[in-house]
Structures are given as C-alpha cells and as structure tokens.
Amino acid sequence: MNKFICGVLVLVLSLSFGFAYAQEQPVEAIGESSNAVKWSFPISPLEINSEYYLVISEDNLLSEDYEPQTLAKAPNSLRATSADAFMDETALLALTELITAAKAVREYTYTSLDKKGEQVEDSISYEEEGMLLYIKSGYRKYGTQKTVYANYLAKNDNVDNGAVEKPGASEHQSGLCADVVNGDYASRSTLTEDFQWTAEAQWLKENCALYGFILRYPEDKVNVTGHAFEPWHLRYVGVNAATYIMENELTLNEFTDMFLSKYEKFIQDGGDVNSVTVKDLNMLPSSYILDVHGDDGDNDVSISF
C-alpha cells in the first residue's frame, strides 16, 4: 500500500473517531457540569399545573360550572349502594385496581380498640372473596353539593362545624376522590372517624399510594388541611406524587406548596423545564390500561403497574 493511500486511511479514521468523540462529549458535559441547574423533585416540572395536584378548599373554590373532562361510571360490584357512582376515568381505573388488590388479602394484622378503648394488635381472616372495599361516594355536582350542604345545616341547627364542605369547596366535584369503605360502613348513612380502627381503613392507608391515591385529610394535619379527619377519603394524584406524599407524611397542601417553591427557584436559577429527564426524576413506573370490560353492562376496568 503506498504512502498516499495510508495517509488517506489515517485521516478518515481520525475524522471518524473525532466525530464520534464529539457526538458523545456534549451529553457527558451537560450531565456532569457543575453549572447545570438540577431539578430535585420526583415530579416533572412540566406537571406544575396538573389538575391532579389542585388543592380544593374554601380558599380555592371550584366554579359552579366546573366538571371533570372525563367521567366514567363505576361498575355495580364497586358501589356501596345501588346509586350510580362516577369518577374521573383515570382515577377510577386506579381505584378499581386498588379494590381488586384488596380482594387478594386473606389475612391482615392491624390496630383495633378493646372494650377499654385501648389500642391492641388484632388480626382478621377473610373468606375466599378476600378484603372487600366499596365506593361510598364519588363525583358530586356543584348543585348536589349545594343540596347536601343545605341539608347538613338544617340538621345541625344551622351550625357549620366543618363536617360538610360548602359548594365549590368539595373535592368530590373534581371527580378525583372517593369515599372508600368496607361492607359494614357501606350500609351506614353516616360515616364516623371510628372507621380508622378497621382493618380496611388501615390497609387503605398503607397501600393507597401504590395506586396513586393519598389519604387526603389525615388526623394529625387538620390544622393544615382545614378539614376534619376522614379515614375513608382517598384523593388521586398519581403514583409518584402519592408515594412522595405518603412516605413523607405530607398533605396535598404541603406538597403543592413545596412543588411550587422548588419550581420557582428552579426557574429563577435559570433551569430549563424541558431539559429535565425521567432519570432526573427517579420516577416509578406509570400505570397503563390493560383492558376495559363489563359483564354487567357498566364500564369495568383493569389496569396494571
């Protein structure tokens, strides 16, 4: 091989190696640059305005004409009564998976109260059907909440003790929440805080985040939520947010304040929301729909994580 050809080959190889090296370098430089603004929150900054994190309260009312974009009817098997129950479609899919998972529970150890009112460890065994949970209440229109609130005042000497939300202040209008109970409480006209001492309530608290739900109104955060303790009230926020909230014992109020604060600092420091990757978020796998079916004529659902 003559010197000219050898020289050409060396030049080509050098250019090829240099091109490949140049292609890899920027990615490494960006990832390792000490000057790059890092996003340090498990939720994408692109989700800052997500309806899933909307705090609904007397300080942040939903309008009278607000309705969820997608509503789905819960199948008969999930409802506590014969009355129809609706939820945001995504939330209902997740709740169906949660209730299905509960049916696989055959034994569960929990904390109950003895006759003296003292806390004791107890256990329960279920029949072949497993732990059964039901939707007591789902989506509620503004007008329905207005009626519920008026009836509540009428029965309570016109005194508002915070047990029922004013119209526009109820999470039920969003379609993203549900009151979930066991068979005993499904038939009760009024839900009471002693539901917390049931195996089902404690299983819900322990496992709800796996399906994207949080216990919205914890007992020890009444001063933060401004709402009475409700051990049956689950709110859908998505798996990643729910996991973060429940593991850190936060409320949705505290989570959204934290999220907004981190977002504003990220932007002020020159961060680019479009540059944040899944790797940066350390996110959990998202859920996805397996099928939609319904033997009883209703829209039934099945999802997997």
Protein backbone atom coordinates (compact mmCIF):
# COMPACT_ATOMS: atom_id res chain seq x y z
CA MET A 1 0.00 0.00 0.00
CA ASN A 2 1.52 3.31 -0.99
CA LYS A 3 2.04 6.24 1.37
CA PHE A 4 -0.79 8.26 -0.18
CA ILE A 5 -3.43 5.60 0.49
CA CYS A 6 -2.13 5.06 4.03
CA GLY A 7 -2.35 8.77 4.68
CA VAL A 8 -5.97 8.87 3.49
CA LEU A 9 -6.94 5.94 5.73
CA VAL A 10 -5.32 7.56 8.76
CA LEU A 11 -7.17 10.82 8.01
CA VAL A 12 -10.52 9.04 7.62
CA LEU A 13 -10.08 7.06 10.84
CA SER A 14 -9.03 10.18 12.72
CA LEU A 15 -12.03 12.12 11.48
CA SER A 16 -14.40 9.23 12.29
CA PHE A 17 -13.02 8.89 15.80
CA GLY A 18 -13.11 12.63 16.31
CA PHE A 19 -16.72 12.83 15.09
CA ALA A 20 -17.84 10.04 17.41
CA TYR A 21 -15.99 11.62 20.31
CA ALA A 22 -17.57 14.98 19.58
CA GLN A 23 -21.02 13.36 19.49
CA GLU A 24 -20.57 11.85 22.95
CA GLN A 25 -18.87 14.75 24.64
CA PRO A 26 -21.78 17.26 24.89
CA VAL A 27 -24.05 14.71 26.62
CA GLU A 28 -21.41 13.94 29.22
CA ALA A 29 -20.57 17.60 29.66
CA ILE A 30 -24.19 18.56 30.28
CA GLY A 31 -24.76 15.70 32.69
CA GLU A 32 -21.64 16.42 34.73
CA SER A 33 -21.47 20.20 34.56
CA SER A 34 -21.36 21.77 37.98
CA ASN A 35 -23.03 24.84 36.48
CA ALA A 36 -26.13 22.97 35.26
CA VAL A 37 -29.29 23.70 37.29
CA LYS A 38 -30.57 20.44 38.76
CA TRP A 39 -34.25 19.59 39.26
CA SER A 40 -34.51 17.94 42.70
CA PHE A 41 -38.12 16.77 42.96
CA PRO A 42 -39.66 13.43 41.92
CA ILE A 43 -42.38 15.11 39.84
CA SER A 44 -41.71 16.66 36.44
CA PRO A 45 -41.77 20.49 36.44
CA LEU A 46 -43.96 20.20 33.34
CA GLU A 47 -46.73 18.98 35.66
CA ILE A 48 -46.80 22.15 37.77
CA ASN A 49 -50.30 23.00 36.52
CA SER A 50 -51.68 19.45 36.60
CA GLU A 51 -55.25 19.14 37.84
CA TYR A 52 -54.11 16.14 39.90
CA TYR A 53 -52.40 18.49 42.37
CA LEU A 54 -55.20 21.03 42.59
CA VAL A 55 -55.99 21.96 46.19
CA ILE A 56 -59.74 22.44 46.51
CA SER A 57 -60.96 24.30 49.58
CA GLU A 58 -62.91 27.32 50.75
CA ASP A 59 -59.87 29.39 49.79
CA ASN A 60 -59.73 27.85 46.33
CA LEU A 61 -63.26 27.11 45.16
CA LEU A 62 -64.25 25.28 42.00
CA SER A 63 -66.63 27.24 39.81
CA GLU A 64 -70.28 26.29 39.64
CA ASP A 65 -69.90 25.03 36.07
CA TYR A 66 -66.71 23.02 36.69
CA GLU A 67 -66.93 19.40 35.55
CA PRO A 68 -64.25 16.73 35.06
CA GLN A 69 -63.28 16.28 31.41
CA THR A 70 -63.68 12.50 31.51
CA LEU A 71 -66.19 10.79 33.77
CA ALA A 72 -66.68 7.05 33.99
CA LYS A 73 -69.32 5.09 35.87
CA ALA A 74 -68.18 2.59 38.48
CA PRO A 75 -69.43 -0.96 37.91
CA ASN A 76 -72.08 -2.37 40.24
CA SER A 77 -69.54 -4.55 42.04
CA LEU A 78 -67.64 -1.49 43.31
CA ARG A 79 -70.58 0.55 44.56
CA ALA A 80 -71.68 0.60 48.20
CA THR A 81 -75.30 1.13 47.15
CA SER A 82 -77.42 0.85 44.03
CA ALA A 83 -76.90 4.55 43.35
CA ASP A 84 -74.63 5.36 40.42
CA ALA A 85 -71.09 6.44 41.25
CA PHE A 86 -68.86 8.31 38.83
CA MET A 87 -65.20 9.34 38.91
CA ASP A 88 -62.57 10.81 36.64
CA GLU A 89 -61.73 7.95 34.28
CA THR A 90 -58.04 7.72 35.21
CA ALA A 91 -58.83 7.84 38.92
CA LEU A 92 -61.49 5.16 38.55
CA LEU A 93 -59.09 2.88 36.68
CA ALA A 94 -56.59 3.19 39.52
CA LEU A 95 -59.22 2.73 42.23
CA THR A 96 -60.50 -0.39 40.51
CA GLU A 97 -57.00 -1.82 40.62
CA LEU A 98 -56.70 -0.93 44.30
CA ILE A 99 -60.01 -2.61 45.19
CA THR A 100 -59.03 -5.65 43.13
CA ALA A 101 -55.73 -5.89 45.01
CA ALA A 102 -57.60 -5.82 48.34
CA LYS A 103 -59.52 -8.93 47.31
CA ALA A 104 -56.24 -10.84 47.29
CA VAL A 105 -55.82 -10.18 51.04
CA ARG A 106 -56.69 -13.25 53.11
CA GLU A 107 -55.26 -12.23 56.47
CA TYR A 108 -54.33 -8.84 57.85
CA THR A 109 -52.89 -7.63 61.16
CA TYR A 110 -53.99 -4.21 62.31
CA THR A 111 -54.57 -1.99 65.36
CA SER A 112 -58.00 -2.04 66.97
CA LEU A 113 -59.57 -0.78 70.20
CA ASP A 114 -60.53 -3.12 73.04
CA LYS A 115 -63.51 -2.64 75.34
CA LYS A 116 -61.47 -0.27 77.48
CA GLY A 117 -60.70 1.91 74.48
CA GLU A 118 -57.05 0.89 74.48
CA GLN A 119 -55.14 0.11 71.30
CA VAL A 120 -54.35 -3.56 70.75
CA GLU A 121 -52.96 -5.59 67.88
CA ASP A 122 -55.62 -7.65 66.17
CA SER A 123 -55.84 -9.81 63.08
CA ILE A 124 -58.61 -10.74 60.69
CA SER A 125 -59.08 -13.60 58.23
CA TYR A 126 -61.21 -13.24 55.14
CA GLU A 127 -63.22 -15.78 53.19
CA GLU A 128 -62.46 -16.68 49.59
CA GLU A 129 -63.58 -13.23 48.37
CA GLY A 130 -60.82 -11.54 50.35
CA MET A 131 -60.97 -7.97 51.72
CA LEU A 132 -63.93 -6.18 50.17
CA LEU A 133 -63.98 -2.42 49.62
CA TYR A 134 -66.70 -0.22 48.13
CA ILE A 135 -67.12 3.28 46.75
CA LYS A 136 -69.46 5.12 49.08
CA SER A 137 -69.30 8.40 47.19
CA GLY A 138 -67.51 9.61 44.07
CA TYR A 139 -68.13 12.58 41.78
CA ARG A 140 -70.66 15.09 43.03
CA LYS A 141 -72.03 18.02 41.02
CA TYR A 142 -71.92 21.56 42.39
CA GLY A 143 -75.72 21.56 42.68
CA THR A 144 -75.71 18.26 44.54
CA GLN A 145 -73.10 19.54 46.99
CA LYS A 146 -75.22 22.65 47.50
CA THR A 147 -78.17 20.47 48.49
CA VAL A 148 -76.01 18.25 50.72
CA TYR A 149 -74.63 21.31 52.50
CA ALA A 150 -78.10 22.84 52.98
CA ASN A 151 -79.46 19.59 54.44
CA TYR A 152 -76.45 19.33 56.74
CA LEU A 153 -77.04 22.85 58.09
CA ALA A 154 -80.74 22.14 58.57
CA LYS A 155 -79.96 19.08 60.69
CA ASN A 156 -77.24 20.85 62.66
CA ASP A 157 -79.11 23.94 63.85
CA ASN A 158 -77.53 25.96 61.05
CA VAL A 159 -74.07 25.45 62.58
CA ASP A 160 -71.19 24.66 60.24
CA ASN A 161 -68.65 22.54 62.17
CA GLY A 162 -66.64 21.63 59.08
CA ALA A 163 -68.11 18.16 58.60
CA VAL A 164 -69.53 19.01 55.15
CA GLU A 165 -67.88 21.24 52.57
CA LYS A 166 -69.59 24.25 51.07
CA PRO A 167 -70.50 24.01 47.38
CA GLY A 168 -67.37 24.59 45.30
CA ALA A 169 -65.09 23.56 48.17
CA SER A 170 -65.68 19.82 47.86
CA GLU A 171 -63.09 17.57 46.26
CA HIS A 172 -65.93 15.36 45.08
CA GLN A 173 -66.75 17.93 42.40
CA SER A 174 -63.33 17.26 40.84
CA GLY A 175 -64.07 13.58 40.28
CA LEU A 176 -60.59 12.77 41.60
CA CYS A 177 -61.63 11.46 45.00
CA ALA A 178 -63.78 8.76 46.51
CA ASP A 179 -65.02 7.72 49.93
CA VAL A 180 -63.96 4.07 50.20
CA VAL A 181 -65.35 1.84 52.95
CA ASN A 182 -65.85 -1.77 53.97
CA GLY A 183 -69.10 -3.74 53.91
CA ASP A 184 -70.17 -2.60 57.40
CA TYR A 185 -69.78 1.11 56.66
CA ALA A 186 -71.23 0.73 53.17
CA SER A 187 -74.68 0.38 54.68
CA ARG A 188 -74.35 3.25 57.16
CA SER A 189 -75.98 6.58 56.44
CA THR A 190 -73.23 8.48 58.27
CA LEU A 191 -69.51 7.82 58.28
CA THR A 192 -67.63 8.31 61.54
CA GLU A 193 -63.97 8.54 62.48
CA ASP A 194 -64.02 5.14 64.19
CA PHE A 195 -63.66 3.66 60.70
CA GLN A 196 -59.94 4.26 61.27
CA TRP A 197 -59.86 1.26 63.61
CA THR A 198 -60.95 -1.18 60.93
CA ALA A 199 -58.55 -3.43 59.06
CA GLU A 200 -59.78 -1.97 55.76
CA ALA A 201 -59.02 1.63 56.71
CA GLN A 202 -55.51 0.72 57.82
CA TRP A 203 -54.86 -1.36 54.70
CA LEU A 204 -56.00 1.59 52.57
CA LYS A 205 -53.63 3.96 54.33
CA GLU A 206 -50.76 1.51 53.96
CA ASN A 207 -51.34 0.66 50.29
CA CYS A 208 -53.22 3.53 48.62
CA ALA A 209 -50.05 5.23 47.30
CA LEU A 210 -49.20 2.15 45.23
CA TYR A 211 -52.22 3.00 43.09
CA GLY A 212 -51.82 6.78 43.03
CA PHE A 213 -54.01 7.75 46.00
CA ILE A 214 -53.37 9.61 49.23
CA LEU A 215 -55.30 9.87 52.46
CA ARG A 216 -56.37 13.44 51.83
CA TYR A 217 -57.42 14.52 55.33
CA PRO A 218 -55.10 12.95 57.95
CA GLU A 219 -55.96 13.10 61.62
CA ASP A 220 -52.78 14.95 62.63
CA LYS A 221 -52.97 17.56 59.85
CA VAL A 222 -56.40 19.11 60.45
CA ASN A 223 -54.72 22.47 61.08
CA VAL A 224 -53.09 22.23 57.65
CA THR A 225 -55.99 20.94 55.58
CA GLY A 226 -58.66 22.90 57.43
CA HIS A 227 -60.80 19.79 57.13
CA ALA A 228 -62.00 17.20 59.62
CA PHE A 229 -60.23 13.84 59.71
CA GLU A 230 -61.66 11.40 57.16
CA PRO A 231 -60.01 7.94 57.14
CA TRP A 232 -62.17 6.92 54.17
CA HIS A 233 -61.43 9.82 51.81
CA LEU A 234 -58.91 8.97 49.07
CA ARG A 235 -57.66 11.51 46.53
CA TYR A 236 -55.97 10.57 43.26
CA VAL A 237 -52.69 12.37 42.49
CA GLY A 238 -50.75 9.71 40.56
CA VAL A 239 -48.28 7.09 41.79
CA ASN A 240 -45.17 9.26 42.05
CA ALA A 241 -46.79 12.15 43.89
CA ALA A 242 -48.78 9.79 46.13
CA THR A 243 -45.65 7.86 47.07
CA TYR A 244 -43.78 11.06 47.91
CA ILE A 245 -46.68 12.47 49.93
CA MET A 246 -47.42 9.35 51.95
CA GLU A 247 -43.77 8.44 52.61
CA ASN A 248 -43.05 11.97 53.86
CA GLU A 249 -46.33 12.24 55.79
CA LEU A 250 -47.40 15.34 53.88
CA THR A 251 -50.77 16.70 52.90
CA LEU A 252 -51.65 17.76 49.38
CA ASN A 253 -51.49 21.34 50.65
CA GLU A 254 -47.89 20.94 51.82
CA PHE A 255 -46.90 19.03 48.69
CA THR A 256 -48.19 21.67 46.29
CA ASP A 257 -46.54 24.47 48.29
CA MET A 258 -43.25 22.57 48.17
CA PHE A 259 -43.63 21.81 44.46
CA LEU A 260 -44.34 25.46 43.61
CA SER A 261 -41.44 26.68 45.74
CA LYS A 262 -38.97 24.31 44.06
CA TYR A 263 -40.34 25.19 40.62
CA GLU A 264 -39.98 28.94 41.16
CA LYS A 265 -36.41 28.56 42.45
CA PHE A 266 -35.53 26.28 39.53
CA ILE A 267 -36.73 28.90 37.04
CA GLN A 268 -35.07 31.78 38.90
CA ASP A 269 -31.77 29.90 38.85
CA GLY A 270 -32.01 29.52 35.09
CA GLY A 271 -33.33 25.96 34.92
CA ASP A 272 -34.95 24.66 31.76
CA VAL A 273 -38.06 22.55 32.41
CA ASN A 274 -37.74 20.88 29.00
CA SER A 275 -34.28 19.56 29.87
CA VAL A 276 -35.48 17.50 32.85
CA THR A 277 -35.40 13.77 32.06
CA VAL A 278 -37.04 10.73 33.62
CA LYS A 279 -33.64 9.79 35.04
CA ASP A 280 -33.52 13.12 36.86
CA LEU A 281 -36.92 12.46 38.44
CA ASN A 282 -36.17 8.95 39.71
CA MET A 283 -39.79 8.17 38.92
CA LEU A 284 -41.71 4.97 39.50
CA PRO A 285 -43.28 3.07 36.58
CA SER A 286 -46.53 4.59 35.35
CA SER A 287 -49.76 2.62 35.20
CA TYR A 288 -51.25 1.55 31.92
CA ILE A 289 -54.64 0.23 30.80
CA LEU A 290 -54.86 -3.48 30.12
CA ASP A 291 -58.47 -3.69 29.09
CA VAL A 292 -61.93 -2.25 29.52
CA HIS A 293 -64.81 -4.64 30.02
CA GLY A 294 -68.10 -5.04 31.81
CA ASP A 295 -70.20 -8.16 32.24
CA ASP A 296 -72.97 -6.21 33.92
CA GLY A 297 -73.25 -3.63 31.17
CA ASP A 298 -71.24 -1.00 33.00
CA ASN A 299 -67.79 0.23 32.06
CA ASP A 300 -65.49 -2.00 34.04
CA VAL A 301 -61.76 -1.51 34.04
CA SER A 302 -58.44 -3.22 34.58
CA ILE A 303 -55.00 -1.65 34.76
CA SER A 304 -51.51 -2.75 35.63
CA PHE A 305 -48.39 -1.09 37.05
